[in-house]
Amino acid sequence: MTTLRDELLDLIAAEALIDRAKLAPSATLADLGLDSVGVVSIVFAVEDKYGVEIAEDAFNDAPDLNGFLGRIETIIQTRQAA
């Protein structure tokens, strides 16, 4: 069974053109080569796929990929619970 985190990692890999195996939870977005344009592309893809809205500043203090994913998961789960 595919988890939400697995789906998000697949989406990030596809949008950022990164090998899925390189998406280590402790990697920073900069380590992964994700600049602000890359993050915006991922955010738009998440918004489209899950029908959520993500604020521009939602990831300002996300220290790593794990934090980035955690924030997205929270937004999606909150939307699904509503």
PDB file of N, CA and C in Angstrom:
ATOM      1  N   MET A   1       0.839  -1.185   0.000  1.00  0.00           N
ATOM      2  CA  MET A   1       0.000   0.000   0.000  1.00  0.00           C
ATOM      3  C   MET A   1       0.882   1.245   0.000  1.00  0.00           C
ATOM      4  N   THR A   2       0.573   2.163  -0.856  1.00  0.00           N
ATOM      5  CA  THR A   2       1.336   3.400  -0.973  1.00  0.00           C
ATOM      6  C   THR A   2       0.851   4.395   0.072  1.00  0.00           C
ATOM      7  N   THR A   3       1.799   4.975   0.792  1.00  0.00           N
ATOM      8  CA  THR A   3       1.459   5.976   1.801  1.00  0.00           C
ATOM      9  C   THR A   3       1.470   7.367   1.174  1.00  0.00           C
ATOM     10  N   LEU A   4       0.908   8.309   1.893  1.00  0.00           N
ATOM     11  CA  LEU A   4       0.916   9.701   1.442  1.00  0.00           C
ATOM     12  C   LEU A   4       2.350  10.172   1.242  1.00  0.00           C
ATOM     13  N   ARG A   5       3.233   9.806   2.149  1.00  0.00           N
ATOM     14  CA  ARG A   5       4.635  10.225   2.040  1.00  0.00           C
ATOM     15  C   ARG A   5       5.268   9.659   0.773  1.00  0.00           C
ATOM     16  N   ASP A   6       4.971   8.401   0.460  1.00  0.00           N
ATOM     17  CA  ASP A   6       5.493   7.797  -0.775  1.00  0.00           C
ATOM     18  C   ASP A   6       4.987   8.544  -2.005  1.00  0.00           C
ATOM     19  N   GLU A   7       3.703   8.876  -2.000  1.00  0.00           N
ATOM     20  CA  GLU A   7       3.130   9.629  -3.118  1.00  0.00           C
ATOM     21  C   GLU A   7       3.810  10.983  -3.265  1.00  0.00           C
ATOM     22  N   LEU A   8       4.053  11.650  -2.137  1.00  0.00           N
ATOM     23  CA  LEU A   8       4.700  12.961  -2.175  1.00  0.00           C
ATOM     24  C   LEU A   8       6.139  12.856  -2.661  1.00  0.00           C
ATOM     25  N   LEU A   9       6.846  11.843  -2.217  1.00  0.00           N
ATOM     26  CA  LEU A   9       8.220  11.652  -2.683  1.00  0.00           C
ATOM     27  C   LEU A   9       8.256  11.382  -4.184  1.00  0.00           C
ATOM     28  N   ASP A  10       7.314  10.581  -4.672  1.00  0.00           N
ATOM     29  CA  ASP A  10       7.228  10.328  -6.113  1.00  0.00           C
ATOM     30  C   ASP A  10       6.953  11.626  -6.868  1.00  0.00           C
ATOM     31  N   LEU A  11       6.051  12.430  -6.336  1.00  0.00           N
ATOM     32  CA  LEU A  11       5.704  13.701  -6.972  1.00  0.00           C
ATOM     33  C   LEU A  11       6.905  14.642  -6.991  1.00  0.00           C
ATOM     34  N   ILE A  12       7.617  14.734  -5.884  1.00  0.00           N
ATOM     35  CA  ILE A  12       8.797  15.592  -5.810  1.00  0.00           C
ATOM     36  C   ILE A  12       9.858  15.125  -6.801  1.00  0.00           C
ATOM     37  N   ALA A  13      10.096  13.828  -6.848  1.00  0.00           N
ATOM     38  CA  ALA A  13      11.091  13.287  -7.776  1.00  0.00           C
ATOM     39  C   ALA A  13      10.725  13.624  -9.216  1.00  0.00           C
ATOM     40  N   ALA A  14       9.452  13.486  -9.549  1.00  0.00           N
ATOM     41  CA  ALA A  14       9.001  13.756 -10.915  1.00  0.00           C
ATOM     42  C   ALA A  14       9.085  15.248 -11.251  1.00  0.00           C
ATOM     43  N   GLU A  15       8.629  16.096 -10.349  1.00  0.00           N
ATOM     44  CA  GLU A  15       8.621  17.535 -10.606  1.00  0.00           C
ATOM     45  C   GLU A  15      10.026  18.123 -10.643  1.00  0.00           C
ATOM     46  N   ALA A  16      10.896  17.649  -9.760  1.00  0.00           N
ATOM     47  CA  ALA A  16      12.242  18.211  -9.646  1.00  0.00           C
ATOM     48  C   ALA A  16      13.269  17.451 -10.490  1.00  0.00           C
ATOM     49  N   LEU A  17      12.815  16.402 -11.160  1.00  0.00           N
ATOM     50  CA  LEU A  17      13.707  15.574 -11.976  1.00  0.00           C
ATOM     51  C   LEU A  17      14.891  15.061 -11.157  1.00  0.00           C
ATOM     52  N   ILE A  18      14.562  14.516  -9.977  1.00  0.00           N
ATOM     53  CA  ILE A  18      15.557  13.967  -9.066  1.00  0.00           C
ATOM     54  C   ILE A  18      15.292  12.473  -8.927  1.00  0.00           C
ATOM     55  N   ASP A  19      16.350  11.696  -8.899  1.00  0.00           N
ATOM     56  CA  ASP A  19      16.213  10.265  -8.665  1.00  0.00           C
ATOM     57  C   ASP A  19      15.567  10.070  -7.290  1.00  0.00           C
ATOM     58  N   ARG A  20      14.477   9.319  -7.245  1.00  0.00           N
ATOM     59  CA  ARG A  20      13.720   9.105  -5.999  1.00  0.00           C
ATOM     60  C   ARG A  20      14.617   8.591  -4.881  1.00  0.00           C
ATOM     61  N   ALA A  21      15.594   7.770  -5.208  1.00  0.00           N
ATOM     62  CA  ALA A  21      16.496   7.195  -4.206  1.00  0.00           C
ATOM     63  C   ALA A  21      17.363   8.258  -3.525  1.00  0.00           C
ATOM     64  N   LYS A  22      17.522   9.408  -4.145  1.00  0.00           N
ATOM     65  CA  LYS A  22      18.349  10.479  -3.584  1.00  0.00           C
ATOM     66  C   LYS A  22      17.580  11.392  -2.635  1.00  0.00           C
ATOM     67  N   LEU A  23      16.302  11.143  -2.466  1.00  0.00           N
ATOM     68  CA  LEU A  23      15.481  11.995  -1.603  1.00  0.00           C
ATOM     69  C   LEU A  23      15.587  11.535  -0.148  1.00  0.00           C
ATOM     70  N   ALA A  24      16.720  11.815   0.454  1.00  0.00           N
ATOM     71  CA  ALA A  24      16.962  11.461   1.852  1.00  0.00           C
ATOM     72  C   ALA A  24      16.233  12.438   2.761  1.00  0.00           C
ATOM     73  N   PRO A  25      15.567  11.934   3.801  1.00  0.00           N
ATOM     74  CA  PRO A  25      14.812  12.816   4.702  1.00  0.00           C
ATOM     75  C   PRO A  25      15.645  13.930   5.328  1.00  0.00           C
ATOM     76  N   SER A  26      16.939  13.693   5.554  1.00  0.00           N
ATOM     77  CA  SER A  26      17.779  14.695   6.209  1.00  0.00           C
ATOM     78  C   SER A  26      18.379  15.705   5.233  1.00  0.00           C
ATOM     79  N   ALA A  27      18.175  15.513   3.938  1.00  0.00           N
ATOM     80  CA  ALA A  27      18.718  16.436   2.938  1.00  0.00           C
ATOM     81  C   ALA A  27      17.967  17.758   2.975  1.00  0.00           C
ATOM     82  N   THR A  28      18.716  18.842   2.862  1.00  0.00           N
ATOM     83  CA  THR A  28      18.054  20.147   2.752  1.00  0.00           C
ATOM     84  C   THR A  28      17.552  20.300   1.322  1.00  0.00           C
ATOM     85  N   LEU A  29      16.649  21.224   1.125  1.00  0.00           N
ATOM     86  CA  LEU A  29      16.147  21.474  -0.221  1.00  0.00           C
ATOM     87  C   LEU A  29      17.283  21.946  -1.123  1.00  0.00           C
ATOM     88  N   ALA A  30      18.197  22.726  -0.575  1.00  0.00           N
ATOM     89  CA  ALA A  30      19.359  23.182  -1.354  1.00  0.00           C
ATOM     90  C   ALA A  30      20.247  21.998  -1.738  1.00  0.00           C
ATOM     91  N   ASP A  31      20.426  21.050  -0.807  1.00  0.00           N
ATOM     92  CA  ASP A  31      21.217  19.850  -1.111  1.00  0.00           C
ATOM     93  C   ASP A  31      20.637  19.102  -2.309  1.00  0.00           C
ATOM     94  N   LEU A  32      19.324  19.141  -2.433  1.00  0.00           N
ATOM     95  CA  LEU A  32      18.637  18.441  -3.516  1.00  0.00           C
ATOM     96  C   LEU A  32      18.608  19.268  -4.809  1.00  0.00           C
ATOM     97  N   GLY A  33      19.136  20.493  -4.738  1.00  0.00           N
ATOM     98  CA  GLY A  33      19.146  21.357  -5.903  1.00  0.00           C
ATOM     99  C   GLY A  33      17.833  22.074  -6.132  1.00  0.00           C
ATOM    100  N   LEU A  34      17.004  22.131  -5.093  1.00  0.00           N
ATOM    101  CA  LEU A  34      15.708  22.797  -5.217  1.00  0.00           C
ATOM    102  C   LEU A  34      15.826  24.267  -4.827  1.00  0.00           C
ATOM    103  N   ASP A  35      15.659  25.126  -5.809  1.00  0.00           N
ATOM    104  CA  ASP A  35      15.617  26.551  -5.539  1.00  0.00           C
ATOM    105  C   ASP A  35      14.157  26.957  -5.373  1.00  0.00           C
ATOM    106  N   SER A  36      13.896  28.241  -5.266  1.00  0.00           N
ATOM    107  CA  SER A  36      12.527  28.696  -5.036  1.00  0.00           C
ATOM    108  C   SER A  36      11.599  28.318  -6.186  1.00  0.00           C
ATOM    109  N   VAL A  37      12.102  28.330  -7.409  1.00  0.00           N
ATOM    110  CA  VAL A  37      11.281  27.949  -8.562  1.00  0.00           C
ATOM    111  C   VAL A  37      10.915  26.467  -8.480  1.00  0.00           C
ATOM    112  N   GLY A  38      11.862  25.632  -8.087  1.00  0.00           N
ATOM    113  CA  GLY A  38      11.599  24.203  -7.938  1.00  0.00           C
ATOM    114  C   GLY A  38      10.570  23.932  -6.857  1.00  0.00           C
ATOM    115  N   VAL A  39      10.677  24.647  -5.749  1.00  0.00           N
ATOM    116  CA  VAL A  39       9.720  24.476  -4.652  1.00  0.00           C
ATOM    117  C   VAL A  39       8.329  24.900  -5.096  1.00  0.00           C
ATOM    118  N   VAL A  40       8.232  26.014  -5.813  1.00  0.00           N
ATOM    119  CA  VAL A  40       6.937  26.487  -6.304  1.00  0.00           C
ATOM    120  C   VAL A  40       6.318  25.460  -7.250  1.00  0.00           C
ATOM    121  N   SER A  41       7.123  24.870  -8.103  1.00  0.00           N
ATOM    122  CA  SER A  41       6.634  23.835  -9.016  1.00  0.00           C
ATOM    123  C   SER A  41       6.062  22.649  -8.246  1.00  0.00           C
ATOM    124  N   ILE A  42       6.755  22.239  -7.213  1.00  0.00           N
ATOM    125  CA  ILE A  42       6.286  21.122  -6.373  1.00  0.00           C
ATOM    126  C   ILE A  42       5.001  21.514  -5.655  1.00  0.00           C
ATOM    127  N   VAL A  43       4.966  22.709  -5.107  1.00  0.00           N
ATOM    128  CA  VAL A  43       3.776  23.181  -4.388  1.00  0.00           C
ATOM    129  C   VAL A  43       2.561  23.203  -5.321  1.00  0.00           C
ATOM    130  N   PHE A  44       2.737  23.719  -6.531  1.00  0.00           N
ATOM    131  CA  PHE A  44       1.618  23.735  -7.492  1.00  0.00           C
ATOM    132  C   PHE A  44       1.145  22.318  -7.809  1.00  0.00           C
ATOM    133  N   ALA A  45       2.064  21.393  -7.967  1.00  0.00           N
ATOM    134  CA  ALA A  45       1.697  20.001  -8.267  1.00  0.00           C
ATOM    135  C   ALA A  45       0.931  19.383  -7.102  1.00  0.00           C
ATOM    136  N   VAL A  46       1.355  19.669  -5.880  1.00  0.00           N
ATOM    137  CA  VAL A  46       0.654  19.160  -4.688  1.00  0.00           C
ATOM    138  C   VAL A  46      -0.737  19.774  -4.609  1.00  0.00           C
ATOM    139  N   GLU A  47      -0.829  21.081  -4.825  1.00  0.00           N
ATOM    140  CA  GLU A  47      -2.126  21.755  -4.772  1.00  0.00           C
ATOM    141  C   GLU A  47      -3.087  21.161  -5.798  1.00  0.00           C
ATOM    142  N   ASP A  48      -2.599  20.929  -7.003  1.00  0.00           N
ATOM    143  CA  ASP A  48      -3.440  20.343  -8.057  1.00  0.00           C
ATOM    144  C   ASP A  48      -3.877  18.929  -7.715  1.00  0.00           C
ATOM    145  N   LYS A  49      -2.953  18.122  -7.252  1.00  0.00           N
ATOM    146  CA  LYS A  49      -3.255  16.708  -6.993  1.00  0.00           C
ATOM    147  C   LYS A  49      -4.182  16.516  -5.797  1.00  0.00           C
ATOM    148  N   TYR A  50      -3.977  17.306  -4.745  1.00  0.00           N
ATOM    149  CA  TYR A  50      -4.713  17.076  -3.497  1.00  0.00           C
ATOM    150  C   TYR A  50      -5.789  18.120  -3.205  1.00  0.00           C
ATOM    151  N   GLY A  51      -5.936  19.111  -4.064  1.00  0.00           N
ATOM    152  CA  GLY A  51      -6.983  20.117  -3.867  1.00  0.00           C
ATOM    153  C   GLY A  51      -6.796  20.959  -2.625  1.00  0.00           C
ATOM    154  N   VAL A  52      -5.551  21.305  -2.333  1.00  0.00           N
ATOM    155  CA  VAL A  52      -5.251  22.120  -1.154  1.00  0.00           C
ATOM    156  C   VAL A  52      -4.610  23.426  -1.598  1.00  0.00           C
ATOM    157  N   GLU A  53      -4.589  24.378  -0.682  1.00  0.00           N
ATOM    158  CA  GLU A  53      -3.860  25.620  -0.898  1.00  0.00           C
ATOM    159  C   GLU A  53      -2.724  25.672   0.099  1.00  0.00           C
ATOM    160  N   ILE A  54      -1.560  26.027  -0.390  1.00  0.00           N
ATOM    161  CA  ILE A  54      -0.378  26.086   0.470  1.00  0.00           C
ATOM    162  C   ILE A  54       0.150  27.508   0.436  1.00  0.00           C
ATOM    163  N   ALA A  55       0.279  28.105   1.615  1.00  0.00           N
ATOM    164  CA  ALA A  55       0.765  29.488   1.724  1.00  0.00           C
ATOM    165  C   ALA A  55       2.215  29.582   1.272  1.00  0.00           C
ATOM    166  N   GLU A  56       2.566  30.734   0.732  1.00  0.00           N
ATOM    167  CA  GLU A  56       3.923  30.965   0.241  1.00  0.00           C
ATOM    168  C   GLU A  56       4.979  30.749   1.320  1.00  0.00           C
ATOM    169  N   ASP A  57       4.654  31.107   2.535  1.00  0.00           N
ATOM    170  CA  ASP A  57       5.640  31.027   3.610  1.00  0.00           C
ATOM    171  C   ASP A  57       5.574  29.727   4.416  1.00  0.00           C
ATOM    172  N   ALA A  58       4.861  28.739   3.930  1.00  0.00           N
ATOM    173  CA  ALA A  58       4.673  27.489   4.664  1.00  0.00           C
ATOM    174  C   ALA A  58       5.973  26.741   4.917  1.00  0.00           C
ATOM    175  N   PHE A  59       6.989  26.981   4.113  1.00  0.00           N
ATOM    176  CA  PHE A  59       8.226  26.206   4.225  1.00  0.00           C
ATOM    177  C   PHE A  59       9.435  27.055   4.585  1.00  0.00           C
ATOM    178  N   ASN A  60       9.211  28.282   4.991  1.00  0.00           N
ATOM    179  CA  ASN A  60      10.326  29.189   5.269  1.00  0.00           C
ATOM    180  C   ASN A  60      11.332  28.624   6.264  1.00  0.00           C
ATOM    181  N   ASP A  61      10.867  27.886   7.242  1.00  0.00           N
ATOM    182  CA  ASP A  61      11.795  27.373   8.246  1.00  0.00           C
ATOM    183  C   ASP A  61      11.876  25.845   8.249  1.00  0.00           C
ATOM    184  N   ALA A  62      11.521  25.214   7.138  1.00  0.00           N
ATOM    185  CA  ALA A  62      11.656  23.757   7.035  1.00  0.00           C
ATOM    186  C   ALA A  62      13.145  23.444   6.890  1.00  0.00           C
ATOM    187  N   PRO A  63      13.723  22.760   7.876  1.00  0.00           N
ATOM    188  CA  PRO A  63      15.167  22.549   7.853  1.00  0.00           C
ATOM    189  C   PRO A  63      15.642  21.511   6.834  1.00  0.00           C
ATOM    190  N   ASP A  64      14.751  20.607   6.474  1.00  0.00           N
ATOM    191  CA  ASP A  64      15.156  19.514   5.595  1.00  0.00           C
ATOM    192  C   ASP A  64      13.941  18.940   4.869  1.00  0.00           C
ATOM    193  N   LEU A  65      14.181  17.926   4.053  1.00  0.00           N
ATOM    194  CA  LEU A  65      13.096  17.315   3.292  1.00  0.00           C
ATOM    195  C   LEU A  65      12.034  16.737   4.221  1.00  0.00           C
ATOM    196  N   ASN A  66      12.448  16.165   5.334  1.00  0.00           N
ATOM    197  CA  ASN A  66      11.497  15.604   6.285  1.00  0.00           C
ATOM    198  C   ASN A  66      10.534  16.675   6.800  1.00  0.00           C
ATOM    199  N   GLY A  67      11.058  17.847   7.149  1.00  0.00           N
ATOM    200  CA  GLY A  67      10.217  18.952   7.603  1.00  0.00           C
ATOM    201  C   GLY A  67       9.301  19.463   6.504  1.00  0.00           C
ATOM    202  N   PHE A  68       9.826  19.544   5.292  1.00  0.00           N
ATOM    203  CA  PHE A  68       9.054  19.970   4.123  1.00  0.00           C
ATOM    204  C   PHE A  68       7.877  19.018   3.905  1.00  0.00           C
ATOM    205  N   LEU A  69       8.170  17.720   3.928  1.00  0.00           N
ATOM    206  CA  LEU A  69       7.116  16.714   3.739  1.00  0.00           C
ATOM    207  C   LEU A  69       6.107  16.738   4.874  1.00  0.00           C
ATOM    208  N   GLY A  70       6.589  16.909   6.089  1.00  0.00           N
ATOM    209  CA  GLY A  70       5.702  16.951   7.245  1.00  0.00           C
ATOM    210  C   GLY A  70       4.681  18.068   7.150  1.00  0.00           C
ATOM    211  N   ARG A  71       5.122  19.225   6.690  1.00  0.00           N
ATOM    212  CA  ARG A  71       4.204  20.360   6.541  1.00  0.00           C
ATOM    213  C   ARG A  71       3.164  20.085   5.458  1.00  0.00           C
ATOM    214  N   ILE A  72       3.602  19.504   4.342  1.00  0.00           N
ATOM    215  CA  ILE A  72       2.660  19.179   3.271  1.00  0.00           C
ATOM    216  C   ILE A  72       1.654  18.138   3.750  1.00  0.00           C
ATOM    217  N   GLU A  73       2.134  17.118   4.439  1.00  0.00           N
ATOM    218  CA  GLU A  73       1.232  16.073   4.951  1.00  0.00           C
ATOM    219  C   GLU A  73       0.193  16.659   5.894  1.00  0.00           C
ATOM    220  N   THR A  74       0.616  17.567   6.770  1.00  0.00           N
ATOM    221  CA  THR A  74      -0.312  18.206   7.705  1.00  0.00           C
ATOM    222  C   THR A  74      -1.389  18.989   6.955  1.00  0.00           C
ATOM    223  N   ILE A  75      -0.997  19.721   5.946  1.00  0.00           N
ATOM    224  CA  ILE A  75      -1.953  20.514   5.159  1.00  0.00           C
ATOM    225  C   ILE A  75      -2.950  19.600   4.470  1.00  0.00           C
ATOM    226  N   ILE A  76      -2.457  18.529   3.858  1.00  0.00           N
ATOM    227  CA  ILE A  76      -3.340  17.598   3.157  1.00  0.00           C
ATOM    228  C   ILE A  76      -4.282  16.899   4.129  1.00  0.00           C
ATOM    229  N   GLN A  77      -3.767  16.424   5.256  1.00  0.00           N
ATOM    230  CA  GLN A  77      -4.584  15.714   6.224  1.00  0.00           C
ATOM    231  C   GLN A  77      -5.622  16.631   6.855  1.00  0.00           C
ATOM    232  N   THR A  78      -5.282  17.874   7.082  1.00  0.00           N
ATOM    233  CA  THR A  78      -6.236  18.846   7.622  1.00  0.00           C
ATOM    234  C   THR A  78      -7.362  19.072   6.634  1.00  0.00           C
ATOM    235  N   ARG A  79      -7.023  19.178   5.371  1.00  0.00           N
ATOM    236  CA  ARG A  79      -8.025  19.375   4.311  1.00  0.00           C
ATOM    237  C   ARG A  79      -8.946  18.167   4.209  1.00  0.00           C
ATOM    238  N   GLN A  80      -8.367  16.959   4.295  1.00  0.00           N
ATOM    239  CA  GLN A  80      -9.165  15.750   4.170  1.00  0.00           C
ATOM    240  C   GLN A  80     -10.089  15.555   5.365  1.00  0.00           C
ATOM    241  N   ALA A  81      -9.678  16.060   6.524  1.00  0.00           N
ATOM    242  CA  ALA A  81     -10.496  15.916   7.729  1.00  0.00           C
ATOM    243  C   ALA A  81     -11.646  16.914   7.771  1.00  0.00           C
ATOM    244  N   ALA A  82     -11.537  17.979   7.000  1.00  0.00           N
ATOM    245  CA  ALA A  82     -12.559  19.037   7.017  1.00  0.00           C
ATOM    246  C   ALA A  82     -13.818  18.628   6.294  1.00  0.00           C
TER     247      ALA A  82
END
